[in-house]
Amino acid sequence: MTRESMTITNRSVSALLARVTGAVLIAIAFIAIANTPLAPRAAAQTAAGYRVDSRSADGLYATIFTTPHGTIKVNLPDAMVAGDTISGSIYTEPTGKDEAERRQNLEELNSYVIDLVGQETAVRDRTFARNINGTITIVLLRNGQSAATATIPILPTALPRPTQFTVPTGGQQGRLLKIDCPCNGAFAPQDYVTVGGKQLPLIAESPRSLVVHNTSDFSGPTNIDLAENGIAVQCPFRNIQVNLSAPKLNLLRGETTTLHVMVLGLGGMSGDQSLDLQNNSPGVIRMSGGEQQHVTINGTEVRPDGTYSLDRTLTGITPGGFGVTATVRWTDVCNQPNLTGGPVTQPPPSGQGSARDKLEQGRNLLAHFNFYAALAPLSEALKSYKSGGDMNGVGVTSDALGDLYLEEGQYETALGYFQSARQAFVSNKEMVNASLMISKIGETYLLLDNITEAKAVFAQFGPQASQPSPTDIVRHKTFFAYSRNKLGEGRADYLLGQHQAAEADFKDLLAAA
């Protein structure tokens, strides 16, 4: 099951900033992991100011620690038994009224430690592996003291270990993908999952399944490639994108607006595709057609560009924030029974072999949050690309190194790499990639509290291109670059006290979305 959601809040300029942020994330399908109904709560003990919740869906069991600085989410497989080797991940979401406070709270969250079955892992390490011998206890440590504890029950008997890979042949951008497999339970540098050539973060693994986050921005039919436990598998895959938008983001009683639902990536589809709509705020708005709707998309209703759209009227009942969720359901799978073990390499590289191998190795380590380990192969790849004059390679690798240092909080160093990446893309006449770098450079200036320089960088982007793009991929990347830049420009204007300009930026972004 995959889903797309839209949450709307009030009309103040500061809230408009938050709303537009959410709207853009919806448009580009960067959705928070495990945004599902609460599962039965694990047994928990908490100090004042802390709370423990749990969620379970799509093969993932997430324990969420709410702290005074934000949330820490510990992701585990949803089915574990004694004797399992498992791997998991840690995600953080800081709170704060502005970038400076959120950055400070992120540093605080990274200073926490997770004690999982008696072994400690720093939150900043992002991933972990454990051997499960009995009931799982997670202790959140703050300065060496217990702040919250959760106990997660395990299954009394082992489930059969799959003898083949069962891979979904479709899914929705921004959601989780569960792959049943004869896994080994350990994240390894040579393991990967890609959709449309984009490597996906590994979220949790047991001897029976692997859960990844579908962050690929490719829409339409492509392939899913994976390597796990010495075995490589490839299956067809349809990556579906769902965008939700509405011109009015806050409704008075009796006021109406139109919810626009756009589904992308359906080109060449045979048969029907299901789409579920749910009004998550029935006390605030009423949705035409019912508060829960099951829509069947017939292949004849899909436009030549692979899109399908529908509108629903939303009517205000009481003032306040509201949310609507769109869920694409995909049940088809690809089974790979005839497997052979042996050494597994990354997908075939293009260009300079050794440099591309190092680049992919570094990206894979980044996807596993192994930042220090990723530094050496990425640095070697950049050196090779520079010596060979491959400007695309220089740009892509510099961008990855910028992301690495950004995650580590070394913003000045990250800025230098993003600027180098932009120069490389410009010299190679890759203008869409160069435009994406403008956004990253501006966002990094915001993190450095250099708001004036950030505004100047965002202003280099110019208006949204009006001419049609040659392909859907280029069109989507162009819109992503524009939306990310316009959002950053609005934030900069707001932080500079230019509230009317900020509101205009956000309105331009909503109109484009």
Protein backbone atom coordinates (compact mmCIF):
# COMPACT_ATOMS: atom_id res chain seq x y z
CA MET A 1 0.00 0.00 0.00
CA THR A 2 1.27 3.47 -0.80
CA ARG A 3 -0.24 6.81 -0.07
CA GLU A 4 -0.01 10.52 -0.79
CA SER A 5 -1.36 13.06 1.69
CA MET A 6 -2.08 16.77 1.85
CA THR A 7 -2.39 18.63 5.13
CA ILE A 8 -3.57 22.25 5.18
CA THR A 9 -3.26 24.78 8.01
CA ASN A 10 -4.13 28.47 8.58
CA ARG A 11 -3.63 31.65 6.56
CA SER A 12 -0.88 33.56 8.35
CA VAL A 13 2.31 34.22 6.39
CA SER A 14 4.39 32.00 8.68
CA ALA A 15 1.85 29.21 8.37
CA LEU A 16 1.75 29.75 4.62
CA LEU A 17 5.48 28.98 4.64
CA ALA A 18 4.78 25.66 6.33
CA ARG A 19 1.86 24.92 4.01
CA VAL A 20 3.84 25.60 0.88
CA THR A 21 6.66 23.44 2.21
CA GLY A 22 4.17 20.62 2.58
CA ALA A 23 2.64 21.27 -0.82
CA VAL A 24 6.00 21.10 -2.56
CA LEU A 25 6.94 17.93 -0.75
CA ILE A 26 3.66 16.49 -1.97
CA ALA A 27 4.36 17.59 -5.52
CA ILE A 28 7.76 15.90 -5.59
CA ALA A 29 6.74 12.93 -3.40
CA PHE A 30 9.29 13.35 -0.62
CA ILE A 31 7.04 11.86 2.05
CA ALA A 32 7.86 11.04 5.68
CA ILE A 33 8.49 7.34 6.28
CA ALA A 34 5.87 5.16 7.96
CA ASN A 35 3.12 7.80 8.03
CA THR A 36 0.54 5.17 8.98
CA PRO A 37 -2.07 4.65 11.69
CA LEU A 38 -0.71 3.95 15.14
CA ALA A 39 -0.06 0.30 15.96
CA PRO A 40 -0.68 -1.07 19.45
CA ARG A 41 1.78 0.78 21.65
CA ALA A 42 4.81 -1.11 22.88
CA ALA A 43 5.32 -1.25 26.62
CA ALA A 44 7.02 2.02 27.51
CA GLN A 45 8.53 3.99 30.40
CA THR A 46 9.19 7.68 29.84
CA ALA A 47 10.56 10.69 31.69
CA ALA A 48 8.69 13.99 31.82
CA GLY A 49 8.64 15.68 28.41
CA TYR A 50 9.05 12.42 26.48
CA ARG A 51 6.54 10.12 24.75
CA VAL A 52 6.78 6.77 22.98
CA ASP A 53 4.52 5.64 20.10
CA SER A 54 4.74 2.88 17.53
CA ARG A 55 3.57 2.35 13.96
CA SER A 56 3.53 -0.75 11.81
CA ALA A 57 2.97 -1.02 8.05
CA ASP A 58 4.59 -2.30 4.86
CA GLY A 59 6.99 -4.62 6.69
CA LEU A 60 8.25 -1.91 9.05
CA TYR A 61 7.85 -1.50 12.82
CA ALA A 62 8.73 2.05 13.85
CA THR A 63 9.20 3.18 17.44
CA ILE A 64 8.85 6.96 17.72
CA PHE A 65 10.41 8.81 20.64
CA THR A 66 9.04 12.33 21.03
CA THR A 67 11.58 14.51 22.86
CA PRO A 68 11.80 18.21 23.78
CA HIS A 69 13.96 18.65 20.66
CA GLY A 70 11.85 16.73 18.12
CA THR A 71 11.31 13.08 17.25
CA ILE A 72 13.64 10.09 16.90
CA LYS A 73 12.28 7.17 14.90
CA VAL A 74 13.83 3.72 15.23
CA ASN A 75 12.90 1.50 12.28
CA LEU A 76 12.92 -2.31 12.64
CA PRO A 77 11.50 -5.21 10.62
CA ASP A 78 7.92 -5.96 11.66
CA ALA A 79 8.48 -9.71 12.11
CA MET A 80 11.43 -10.81 14.27
CA VAL A 81 12.20 -14.01 16.18
CA ALA A 82 14.96 -15.12 18.53
CA GLY A 83 18.09 -15.98 16.57
CA ASP A 84 17.51 -13.37 13.84
CA THR A 85 20.20 -11.01 12.62
CA ILE A 86 18.45 -7.75 11.76
CA SER A 87 19.39 -4.26 10.56
CA GLY A 88 17.50 -1.04 11.06
CA SER A 89 17.71 2.72 10.70
CA ILE A 90 17.23 5.87 12.77
CA TYR A 91 15.49 9.00 11.47
CA THR A 92 15.27 12.37 13.20
CA GLU A 93 12.90 15.31 12.80
CA PRO A 94 13.84 18.42 14.82
CA THR A 95 11.31 21.00 15.97
CA GLY A 96 11.86 24.75 16.07
CA LYS A 97 10.35 28.06 15.06
CA ASP A 98 13.16 28.89 12.61
CA GLU A 99 16.15 27.34 10.83
CA ALA A 100 18.59 28.26 13.59
CA GLU A 101 16.48 26.60 16.29
CA ARG A 102 15.83 23.53 14.15
CA ARG A 103 19.54 23.20 13.43
CA GLN A 104 20.33 23.44 17.14
CA ASN A 105 17.65 20.87 17.95
CA LEU A 106 19.02 18.55 15.27
CA GLU A 107 22.41 18.69 16.97
CA GLU A 108 20.69 17.81 20.23
CA LEU A 109 18.85 14.88 18.64
CA ASN A 110 22.10 13.59 17.15
CA SER A 111 23.64 13.58 20.64
CA TYR A 112 21.13 10.99 21.88
CA VAL A 113 22.08 7.31 22.03
CA ILE A 114 19.90 4.26 21.41
CA ASP A 115 20.51 1.24 23.64
CA LEU A 116 19.00 -1.63 21.66
CA VAL A 117 19.18 -5.11 23.25
CA GLY A 118 22.12 -4.02 25.36
CA GLN A 119 24.21 -2.45 22.58
CA GLU A 120 24.51 1.29 22.09
CA THR A 121 24.27 3.19 18.80
CA ALA A 122 24.56 6.95 18.48
CA VAL A 123 21.56 8.51 16.75
CA ARG A 124 23.90 10.28 14.34
CA ASP A 125 25.15 6.88 13.09
CA ARG A 126 21.73 6.35 11.41
CA THR A 127 21.97 2.55 10.95
CA PHE A 128 22.61 -0.45 13.16
CA ALA A 129 22.69 -4.26 13.18
CA ARG A 130 21.73 -6.57 16.02
CA ASN A 131 21.39 -10.26 16.91
CA ILE A 132 17.99 -10.89 18.48
CA ASN A 133 17.94 -13.33 21.39
CA GLY A 134 14.65 -12.49 23.09
CA THR A 135 12.31 -9.59 23.86
CA ILE A 136 13.58 -6.37 22.32
CA THR A 137 14.12 -3.41 24.64
CA ILE A 138 15.00 0.04 23.29
CA VAL A 139 16.30 2.63 25.75
CA LEU A 140 16.69 6.26 24.64
CA LEU A 141 19.71 7.72 26.47
CA ARG A 142 20.25 11.43 27.07
CA ASN A 143 23.68 12.26 28.53
CA GLY A 144 23.97 8.66 29.64
CA GLN A 145 20.63 8.69 31.46
CA SER A 146 17.47 6.86 30.43
CA ALA A 147 14.87 9.24 28.99
CA ALA A 148 12.43 6.72 27.54
CA THR A 149 12.12 2.94 27.20
CA ALA A 150 10.07 0.77 24.86
CA THR A 151 9.71 -3.00 24.83
CA ILE A 152 8.84 -4.67 21.52
CA PRO A 153 7.50 -8.23 21.54
CA ILE A 154 8.90 -10.74 19.07
CA LEU A 155 7.23 -13.71 17.41
CA PRO A 156 7.25 -16.93 19.45
CA THR A 157 8.24 -19.11 16.49
CA ALA A 158 10.23 -18.45 13.35
CA LEU A 159 8.41 -17.83 10.10
CA PRO A 160 9.55 -19.84 7.06
CA ARG A 161 12.46 -18.16 5.32
CA PRO A 162 11.62 -17.42 1.68
CA THR A 163 13.42 -19.46 -0.95
CA GLN A 164 12.91 -16.82 -3.65
CA PHE A 165 12.72 -13.06 -4.08
CA THR A 166 9.19 -11.62 -4.27
CA VAL A 167 9.53 -8.08 -5.60
CA PRO A 168 6.68 -5.58 -6.14
CA THR A 169 6.37 -4.56 -9.78
CA GLY A 170 4.99 -1.13 -8.94
CA GLY A 171 4.72 1.44 -6.20
CA GLN A 172 4.28 5.08 -5.34
CA GLN A 173 6.96 7.67 -5.01
CA GLY A 174 7.82 8.56 -1.44
CA ARG A 175 6.45 5.37 0.09
CA LEU A 176 7.90 2.14 1.44
CA LEU A 177 8.58 -0.99 -0.62
CA LYS A 178 8.74 -4.41 1.04
CA ILE A 179 10.70 -7.19 -0.67
CA ASP A 180 10.33 -10.75 0.62
CA CYS A 181 13.66 -12.49 0.18
CA PRO A 182 16.20 -15.02 1.48
CA CYS A 183 18.11 -12.11 3.05
CA ASN A 184 20.92 -12.24 5.61
CA GLY A 185 19.58 -9.43 7.82
CA ALA A 186 22.69 -7.26 7.43
CA PHE A 187 23.12 -4.02 5.49
CA ALA A 188 26.28 -4.50 3.43
CA PRO A 189 28.16 -2.04 1.17
CA GLN A 190 27.55 -4.25 -1.87
CA ASP A 191 23.76 -4.39 -1.26
CA TYR A 192 21.54 -1.99 -3.18
CA VAL A 193 18.04 -1.42 -4.52
CA THR A 194 17.47 0.96 -7.43
CA VAL A 195 14.33 2.17 -9.21
CA GLY A 196 14.84 3.97 -12.49
CA GLY A 197 18.58 4.03 -11.78
CA LYS A 198 18.12 5.85 -8.42
CA GLN A 199 19.50 4.06 -5.40
CA LEU A 200 16.96 3.78 -2.58
CA PRO A 201 17.74 4.02 1.15
CA LEU A 202 17.62 0.70 3.00
CA ILE A 203 15.32 1.09 6.02
CA ALA A 204 15.13 -2.34 7.71
CA GLU A 205 16.16 -5.93 6.98
CA SER A 206 15.53 -9.36 8.52
CA PRO A 207 16.34 -12.87 7.21
CA ARG A 208 12.92 -12.81 5.53
CA SER A 209 12.41 -9.31 4.13
CA LEU A 210 13.96 -6.01 3.11
CA VAL A 211 12.20 -2.62 3.40
CA VAL A 212 13.37 0.37 1.35
CA HIS A 213 12.14 3.94 0.90
CA ASN A 214 11.11 4.73 -2.69
CA THR A 215 12.83 8.08 -3.21
CA SER A 216 13.15 7.68 -7.00
CA ASP A 217 11.78 10.68 -8.90
CA PHE A 218 11.35 8.67 -12.11
CA SER A 219 7.69 8.32 -13.17
CA GLY A 220 6.43 5.51 -15.40
CA PRO A 221 7.61 2.03 -16.43
CA THR A 222 11.22 1.22 -15.58
CA ASN A 223 13.14 -1.53 -13.73
CA ILE A 224 13.81 -2.31 -10.09
CA ASP A 225 17.30 -3.75 -9.59
CA LEU A 226 18.61 -5.17 -6.34
CA ALA A 227 21.52 -7.07 -4.89
CA GLU A 228 21.21 -8.83 -1.54
CA ASN A 229 23.10 -11.68 0.11
CA GLY A 230 25.25 -12.27 -2.97
CA ILE A 231 22.28 -12.42 -5.38
CA ALA A 232 21.29 -9.92 -8.07
CA VAL A 233 17.68 -9.55 -9.23
CA GLN A 234 15.97 -7.37 -11.85
CA CYS A 235 12.21 -6.97 -12.34
CA PRO A 236 9.96 -4.58 -14.27
CA PHE A 237 8.58 -1.76 -12.14
CA ARG A 238 6.03 1.04 -12.61
CA ASN A 239 6.78 4.08 -10.45
CA ILE A 240 3.64 6.13 -9.83
CA GLN A 241 3.58 9.73 -8.67
CA VAL A 242 0.48 11.31 -7.06
CA ASN A 243 0.15 15.08 -6.57
CA LEU A 244 -2.58 16.80 -4.56
CA SER A 245 -3.30 20.54 -4.70
CA ALA A 246 -6.03 23.04 -3.85
CA PRO A 247 -6.15 26.80 -4.58
CA LYS A 248 -7.65 27.62 -1.15
CA LEU A 249 -5.77 26.29 1.81
CA ASN A 250 -8.16 27.34 4.59
CA LEU A 251 -11.95 27.31 4.36
CA LEU A 252 -14.60 29.16 6.31
CA ARG A 253 -17.92 27.49 7.04
CA GLY A 254 -19.74 26.96 3.73
CA GLU A 255 -16.75 28.05 1.62
CA THR A 256 -15.58 25.68 -1.13
CA THR A 257 -12.42 24.89 -3.03
CA THR A 258 -11.40 22.28 -5.59
CA LEU A 259 -9.09 19.41 -4.70
CA HIS A 260 -7.06 18.48 -7.79
CA VAL A 261 -5.59 14.97 -7.90
CA MET A 262 -2.96 14.25 -10.55
CA VAL A 263 -1.54 10.73 -11.07
CA LEU A 264 1.61 10.41 -13.22
CA GLY A 265 3.49 7.44 -14.62
CA LEU A 266 0.53 5.49 -16.06
CA GLY A 267 1.66 5.52 -19.70
CA GLY A 268 1.28 2.14 -21.43
CA MET A 269 -0.72 0.73 -18.54
CA SER A 270 -2.85 -2.33 -19.32
CA GLY A 271 -5.84 -3.09 -17.13
CA ASP A 272 -7.08 -0.98 -14.24
CA GLN A 273 -5.33 0.86 -11.41
CA SER A 274 -6.97 1.59 -8.06
CA LEU A 275 -6.81 4.92 -6.25
CA ASP A 276 -8.30 5.54 -2.80
CA LEU A 277 -9.18 8.99 -1.44
CA GLN A 278 -9.78 9.63 2.24
CA ASN A 279 -10.85 12.78 4.07
CA ASN A 280 -8.76 12.76 7.23
CA SER A 281 -10.60 15.78 8.69
CA PRO A 282 -14.33 15.04 8.40
CA GLY A 283 -15.09 17.49 11.19
CA VAL A 284 -13.42 20.34 9.30
CA ILE A 285 -14.31 19.74 5.63
CA ARG A 286 -16.70 17.66 3.55
CA MET A 287 -15.49 16.02 0.31
CA SER A 288 -17.85 15.56 -2.63
CA GLY A 289 -18.40 11.91 -3.48
CA GLY A 290 -17.89 10.75 0.10
CA GLU A 291 -15.27 10.92 2.80
CA GLN A 292 -13.75 7.58 1.69
CA GLN A 293 -13.70 6.78 -2.01
CA HIS A 294 -12.35 3.94 -4.14
CA VAL A 295 -11.60 5.08 -7.69
CA THR A 296 -10.80 2.68 -10.53
CA ILE A 297 -8.57 4.17 -13.22
CA ASN A 298 -9.19 2.48 -16.56
CA GLY A 299 -6.39 2.45 -19.12
CA THR A 300 -8.64 4.27 -21.60
CA GLU A 301 -8.86 7.23 -19.18
CA VAL A 302 -5.09 7.77 -19.13
CA ARG A 303 -3.87 10.68 -21.25
CA PRO A 304 -1.18 10.19 -23.90
CA ASP A 305 1.41 11.70 -21.53
CA GLY A 306 0.66 8.97 -18.96
CA THR A 307 -1.35 11.13 -16.56
CA TYR A 308 -4.80 10.86 -15.03
CA SER A 309 -6.59 13.54 -13.04
CA LEU A 310 -9.80 14.08 -11.11
CA ASP A 311 -11.30 16.90 -9.05
CA ARG A 312 -13.32 16.88 -5.87
CA THR A 313 -15.13 19.78 -4.20
CA LEU A 314 -14.15 20.46 -0.60
CA THR A 315 -16.64 22.36 1.57
CA GLY A 316 -15.71 23.98 4.89
CA ILE A 317 -17.57 22.90 8.01
CA THR A 318 -15.47 24.66 10.65
CA PRO A 319 -12.29 26.76 10.26
CA GLY A 320 -9.04 24.84 10.76
CA GLY A 321 -6.44 22.64 9.15
CA PHE A 322 -7.53 19.67 7.08
CA GLY A 323 -5.93 16.67 5.41
CA VAL A 324 -6.74 14.47 2.43
CA THR A 325 -4.93 11.23 1.60
CA ALA A 326 -4.60 9.55 -1.80
CA THR A 327 -3.49 5.91 -1.77
CA VAL A 328 -2.36 3.84 -4.73
CA ARG A 329 -2.67 0.07 -4.16
CA TRP A 330 -0.35 -2.28 -6.04
CA THR A 331 -0.52 -6.06 -5.66
CA ASP A 332 1.39 -7.49 -8.63
CA VAL A 333 4.78 -9.02 -7.85
CA CYS A 334 7.74 -10.51 -9.66
CA ASN A 335 9.08 -13.86 -8.40
CA GLN A 336 12.68 -14.88 -9.01
CA PRO A 337 12.99 -18.57 -8.05
CA ASN A 338 16.05 -19.57 -10.07
CA LEU A 339 18.78 -17.78 -8.19
CA THR A 340 22.50 -18.31 -8.27
CA GLY A 341 24.93 -17.03 -5.69
CA GLY A 342 28.23 -15.40 -6.37
CA PRO A 343 29.96 -12.03 -6.35
CA VAL A 344 27.62 -9.09 -6.93
CA THR A 345 28.73 -5.81 -8.46
CA GLN A 346 26.92 -2.53 -8.90
CA PRO A 347 24.88 -1.95 -12.09
CA PRO A 348 27.06 -1.58 -15.19
CA PRO A 349 28.70 1.86 -15.13
CA SER A 350 28.88 4.35 -17.93
CA GLY A 351 31.95 6.44 -18.69
CA GLN A 352 35.10 5.83 -16.68
CA GLY A 353 34.72 2.41 -15.06
CA SER A 354 36.85 2.83 -11.94
CA ALA A 355 35.57 6.34 -11.22
CA ARG A 356 31.96 5.28 -11.69
CA ASP A 357 32.49 2.26 -9.44
CA LYS A 358 33.88 4.53 -6.71
CA LEU A 359 31.01 6.98 -7.20
CA GLU A 360 28.39 4.22 -6.87
CA GLN A 361 30.19 2.79 -3.85
CA GLY A 362 30.16 6.19 -2.18
CA ARG A 363 26.51 6.77 -3.03
CA ASN A 364 25.62 3.37 -1.63
CA LEU A 365 27.39 4.18 1.63
CA LEU A 366 25.59 7.54 1.76
CA ALA A 367 22.27 5.76 1.33
CA HIS A 368 23.23 3.65 4.37
CA PHE A 369 24.17 6.86 6.26
CA ASN A 370 27.80 5.70 6.46
CA PHE A 371 29.13 9.21 5.85
CA TYR A 372 32.72 8.71 6.95
CA ALA A 373 33.08 5.51 4.94
CA ALA A 374 31.63 7.27 1.86
CA LEU A 375 34.21 10.05 1.90
CA ALA A 376 37.17 8.02 0.54
CA PRO A 377 35.49 6.48 -2.54
CA LEU A 378 33.75 9.75 -3.43
CA SER A 379 37.02 11.68 -3.15
CA GLU A 380 38.78 9.11 -5.34
CA ALA A 381 35.98 9.27 -7.91
CA LEU A 382 36.16 13.07 -8.03
CA LYS A 383 39.93 12.96 -8.56
CA SER A 384 39.52 10.47 -11.43
CA TYR A 385 36.75 12.45 -13.09
CA LYS A 386 38.80 15.65 -12.89
CA SER A 387 41.86 14.00 -14.38
CA GLY A 388 39.75 12.57 -17.22
CA GLY A 389 37.93 15.84 -17.90
CA ASP A 390 34.50 14.25 -17.34
CA MET A 391 32.48 17.29 -16.23
CA ASN A 392 29.28 15.32 -15.69
CA GLY A 393 31.17 13.03 -13.33
CA VAL A 394 32.73 16.03 -11.58
CA GLY A 395 29.30 17.58 -11.10
CA VAL A 396 27.56 14.45 -9.85
CA THR A 397 30.38 13.51 -7.47
CA SER A 398 30.75 17.06 -6.13
CA ASP A 399 27.01 17.10 -5.48
CA ALA A 400 27.28 13.83 -3.51
CA LEU A 401 30.19 15.18 -1.46
CA GLY A 402 28.15 18.31 -0.77
CA ASP A 403 25.31 16.15 0.52
CA LEU A 404 27.76 14.24 2.72
CA TYR A 405 29.16 17.36 4.38
CA LEU A 406 25.69 18.89 4.67
CA GLU A 407 24.53 15.85 6.68
CA GLU A 408 27.57 16.24 8.91
CA GLY A 409 26.75 19.91 9.57
CA GLN A 410 29.88 21.19 7.78
CA TYR A 411 27.95 23.75 5.76
CA GLU A 412 30.90 25.80 4.47
CA THR A 413 32.52 22.71 2.99
CA ALA A 414 29.21 21.53 1.55
CA LEU A 415 28.71 24.95 -0.05
CA GLY A 416 32.04 24.71 -1.85
CA TYR A 417 31.18 21.34 -3.33
CA PHE A 418 27.71 22.48 -4.47
CA GLN A 419 29.28 25.52 -6.16
CA SER A 420 31.81 23.27 -7.90
CA ALA A 421 29.01 20.97 -9.03
CA ARG A 422 27.10 23.89 -10.55
CA GLN A 423 30.19 25.11 -12.42
CA ALA A 424 30.77 21.61 -13.82
CA PHE A 425 27.14 21.26 -14.98
CA VAL A 426 27.18 24.73 -16.59
CA SER A 427 30.39 23.95 -18.46
CA ASN A 428 28.79 20.69 -19.65
CA LYS A 429 25.61 22.54 -20.70
CA GLU A 430 23.47 20.50 -18.27
CA MET A 431 21.21 23.39 -17.34
CA VAL A 432 18.57 21.46 -15.42
CA ASN A 433 21.21 19.98 -13.12
CA ALA A 434 22.83 23.39 -12.83
CA SER A 435 19.47 24.85 -11.78
CA LEU A 436 19.10 22.21 -9.10
CA MET A 437 22.48 23.27 -7.73
CA ILE A 438 21.25 26.88 -7.40
CA SER A 439 18.62 25.61 -4.97
CA LYS A 440 21.16 23.63 -2.94
CA ILE A 441 23.55 26.57 -2.79
CA GLY A 442 20.79 28.90 -1.63
CA GLU A 443 19.55 26.42 0.98
CA THR A 444 23.07 26.04 2.35
CA TYR A 445 23.39 29.82 2.71
CA LEU A 446 20.14 29.70 4.71
CA LEU A 447 21.69 27.10 7.01
CA LEU A 448 24.67 29.43 7.42
CA ASP A 449 22.25 32.25 8.40
CA ASN A 450 23.49 34.28 5.42
CA ILE A 451 19.98 35.19 4.34
CA THR A 452 20.97 38.07 2.04
CA GLU A 453 23.33 35.86 0.03
CA ALA A 454 20.73 33.10 -0.07
CA LYS A 455 18.20 35.54 -1.53
CA ALA A 456 20.71 36.66 -4.16
CA VAL A 457 21.41 33.05 -5.17
CA PHE A 458 17.74 32.09 -5.43
CA ALA A 459 17.10 35.20 -7.54
CA GLN A 460 19.51 33.83 -10.19
CA PHE A 461 17.00 31.14 -11.10
CA GLY A 462 14.55 33.41 -12.91
CA PRO A 463 10.92 32.66 -13.84
CA GLN A 464 9.56 29.20 -14.53
CA ALA A 465 10.23 28.05 -18.09
CA SER A 466 7.09 28.19 -20.22
CA GLN A 467 8.24 26.18 -23.20
CA PRO A 468 7.42 22.44 -23.20
CA SER A 469 10.17 20.08 -22.13
CA PRO A 470 11.23 17.28 -24.50
CA THR A 471 10.44 14.44 -22.07
CA ASP A 472 8.42 13.82 -18.91
CA ILE A 473 11.65 13.29 -16.95
CA VAL A 474 13.06 16.66 -18.00
CA ARG A 475 9.70 18.33 -17.33
CA HIS A 476 9.50 16.87 -13.83
CA LYS A 477 13.12 17.73 -13.02
CA THR A 478 12.56 21.27 -14.30
CA PHE A 479 9.50 21.69 -12.11
CA PHE A 480 11.34 20.20 -9.13
CA ALA A 481 14.19 22.68 -9.61
CA TYR A 482 11.75 25.61 -9.95
CA SER A 483 9.62 24.59 -6.96
CA ARG A 484 12.60 23.98 -4.69
CA ASN A 485 14.12 27.32 -5.68
CA LYS A 486 10.86 29.27 -5.32
CA LEU A 487 10.31 27.73 -1.89
CA GLY A 488 13.82 28.75 -0.84
CA GLU A 489 13.33 32.27 -2.18
CA GLY A 490 10.09 32.59 -0.22
CA ARG A 491 11.82 31.44 2.96
CA ALA A 492 14.62 33.95 2.40
CA ASP A 493 12.14 36.79 1.82
CA TYR A 494 10.25 35.81 4.96
CA LEU A 495 13.42 35.71 7.08
CA LEU A 496 14.40 39.12 5.68
CA GLY A 497 11.07 40.51 6.85
CA GLN A 498 9.79 40.94 3.29
CA HIS A 499 6.48 39.28 4.00
CA GLN A 500 4.61 40.48 0.93
CA ALA A 501 7.39 39.21 -1.33
CA ALA A 502 7.40 35.91 0.55
CA GLU A 503 3.66 35.53 0.14
CA ALA A 504 3.99 36.26 -3.58
CA ASP A 505 6.71 33.60 -3.87
CA PHE A 506 4.55 31.00 -2.16
CA LYS A 507 1.52 31.88 -4.28
CA ASP A 508 3.63 31.56 -7.45
CA LEU A 509 4.77 28.15 -6.25
CA LEU A 510 1.24 26.97 -5.48
CA ALA A 511 0.05 28.18 -8.88
CA ALA A 512 2.86 26.28 -10.60
CA ALA A 513 2.13 23.13 -8.57
